[in-house]
Amino acid sequence: MSRKGNCQENAVMENFFSVIKSELFYLNKFDSIASLKRQIVHYIDYYNNDRIKLKLKGLSPVKYRTQAA
């Protein structure tokens, strides 16, 4: 953990939670907690494997990492 008032390591996760809330949670209604959990797992799979990022030369995060290796 960083010192008090220096929360740089939280920025990545805070950004992810903001994106998942705006793209998944606020746009859908869920019948149960189990349904919400399934959709979150599906979204995380999409976020890592299928989502194209221009910063990553038009590749998904997983494809970009495997290309570099």
C-alpha atoms as a PDB file:
ATOM      1  CA  MET A   1       0.000   0.000   0.000  1.00  0.00           C
ATOM      2  CA  SER A   2       1.138   3.499  -0.706  1.00  0.00           C
ATOM      3  CA  ARG A   3       1.205   6.309   1.790  1.00  0.00           C
ATOM      4  CA  LYS A   4      -1.933   8.130   2.807  1.00  0.00           C
ATOM      5  CA  GLY A   5      -3.140  10.449   0.050  1.00  0.00           C
ATOM      6  CA  ASN A   6      -1.200   8.590  -2.669  1.00  0.00           C
ATOM      7  CA  CYS A   7      -3.680   6.197  -4.261  1.00  0.00           C
ATOM      8  CA  GLN A   8      -2.091   5.625  -7.674  1.00  0.00           C
ATOM      9  CA  GLU A   9      -2.487   1.839  -7.548  1.00  0.00           C
ATOM     10  CA  ASN A  10      -6.272   2.173  -7.239  1.00  0.00           C
ATOM     11  CA  ALA A  11      -6.723   4.106 -10.496  1.00  0.00           C
ATOM     12  CA  VAL A  12      -6.825   1.054 -12.784  1.00  0.00           C
ATOM     13  CA  MET A  13      -9.455  -0.803 -10.764  1.00  0.00           C
ATOM     14  CA  GLU A  14     -11.525   2.323 -10.182  1.00  0.00           C
ATOM     15  CA  ASN A  15     -11.570   2.885 -13.946  1.00  0.00           C
ATOM     16  CA  PHE A  16     -12.613  -0.741 -14.564  1.00  0.00           C
ATOM     17  CA  PHE A  17     -15.445  -0.547 -12.022  1.00  0.00           C
ATOM     18  CA  SER A  18     -16.633   2.711 -13.580  1.00  0.00           C
ATOM     19  CA  VAL A  19     -16.693   1.121 -17.043  1.00  0.00           C
ATOM     20  CA  ILE A  20     -18.464  -2.054 -15.901  1.00  0.00           C
ATOM     21  CA  LYS A  21     -21.111  -0.035 -14.072  1.00  0.00           C
ATOM     22  CA  SER A  22     -21.800   2.239 -17.038  1.00  0.00           C
ATOM     23  CA  GLU A  23     -21.707  -0.498 -19.715  1.00  0.00           C
ATOM     24  CA  LEU A  24     -23.323  -3.387 -17.839  1.00  0.00           C
ATOM     25  CA  PHE A  25     -24.962  -2.579 -14.542  1.00  0.00           C
ATOM     26  CA  TYR A  26     -26.845   0.647 -15.332  1.00  0.00           C
ATOM     27  CA  LEU A  27     -28.087  -0.574 -18.751  1.00  0.00           C
ATOM     28  CA  ASN A  28     -29.647  -3.857 -17.588  1.00  0.00           C
ATOM     29  CA  LYS A  29     -32.090  -5.126 -14.995  1.00  0.00           C
ATOM     30  CA  PHE A  30     -31.191  -8.363 -13.244  1.00  0.00           C
ATOM     31  CA  ASP A  31     -33.650 -10.906 -11.893  1.00  0.00           C
ATOM     32  CA  SER A  32     -31.317 -12.316  -9.272  1.00  0.00           C
ATOM     33  CA  ILE A  33     -27.831 -12.123  -7.839  1.00  0.00           C
ATOM     34  CA  ALA A  34     -26.919 -15.282  -9.790  1.00  0.00           C
ATOM     35  CA  SER A  35     -27.913 -13.590 -13.040  1.00  0.00           C
ATOM     36  CA  LEU A  36     -25.806 -10.553 -12.150  1.00  0.00           C
ATOM     37  CA  LYS A  37     -22.810 -12.774 -11.354  1.00  0.00           C
ATOM     38  CA  ARG A  38     -23.126 -14.595 -14.709  1.00  0.00           C
ATOM     39  CA  GLN A  39     -23.270 -11.304 -16.578  1.00  0.00           C
ATOM     40  CA  ILE A  40     -20.226  -9.948 -14.719  1.00  0.00           C
ATOM     41  CA  VAL A  41     -18.207 -13.073 -15.574  1.00  0.00           C
ATOM     42  CA  HIS A  42     -19.310 -12.784 -19.212  1.00  0.00           C
ATOM     43  CA  TYR A  43     -18.412  -9.070 -19.285  1.00  0.00           C
ATOM     44  CA  ILE A  44     -14.944  -9.671 -17.813  1.00  0.00           C
ATOM     45  CA  ASP A  45     -14.319 -12.314 -20.486  1.00  0.00           C
ATOM     46  CA  TYR A  46     -15.412  -9.832 -23.167  1.00  0.00           C
ATOM     47  CA  TYR A  47     -13.342  -7.034 -21.595  1.00  0.00           C
ATOM     48  CA  ASN A  48     -10.150  -9.112 -21.710  1.00  0.00           C
ATOM     49  CA  ASN A  49     -10.579 -11.185 -24.866  1.00  0.00           C
ATOM     50  CA  ASP A  50     -12.826  -9.417 -27.371  1.00  0.00           C
ATOM     51  CA  ARG A  51     -12.792  -5.688 -26.642  1.00  0.00           C
ATOM     52  CA  ILE A  52     -10.656  -3.753 -29.123  1.00  0.00           C
ATOM     53  CA  LYS A  53      -8.551  -0.880 -27.806  1.00  0.00           C
ATOM     54  CA  LEU A  54      -7.021   1.718 -30.115  1.00  0.00           C
ATOM     55  CA  LYS A  55      -4.205   2.281 -27.607  1.00  0.00           C
ATOM     56  CA  LEU A  56      -3.242  -1.365 -28.094  1.00  0.00           C
ATOM     57  CA  LYS A  57      -2.975  -1.029 -31.892  1.00  0.00           C
ATOM     58  CA  GLY A  58      -6.531  -2.261 -32.475  1.00  0.00           C
ATOM     59  CA  LEU A  59      -6.044  -5.514 -30.554  1.00  0.00           C
ATOM     60  CA  SER A  60      -7.730  -6.934 -27.489  1.00  0.00           C
ATOM     61  CA  PRO A  61      -5.662  -6.877 -24.280  1.00  0.00           C
ATOM     62  CA  VAL A  62      -4.981 -10.635 -24.399  1.00  0.00           C
ATOM     63  CA  LYS A  63      -3.964 -10.581 -28.081  1.00  0.00           C
ATOM     64  CA  TYR A  64      -1.712  -7.579 -27.459  1.00  0.00           C
ATOM     65  CA  ARG A  65       0.067  -9.341 -24.567  1.00  0.00           C
ATOM     66  CA  THR A  66       0.546 -12.570 -26.506  1.00  0.00           C
ATOM     67  CA  GLN A  67       1.840 -10.658 -29.524  1.00  0.00           C
ATOM     68  CA  ALA A  68       4.513  -8.996 -27.393  1.00  0.00           C
ATOM     69  CA  ALA A  69       5.619 -12.352 -25.947  1.00  0.00           C
END
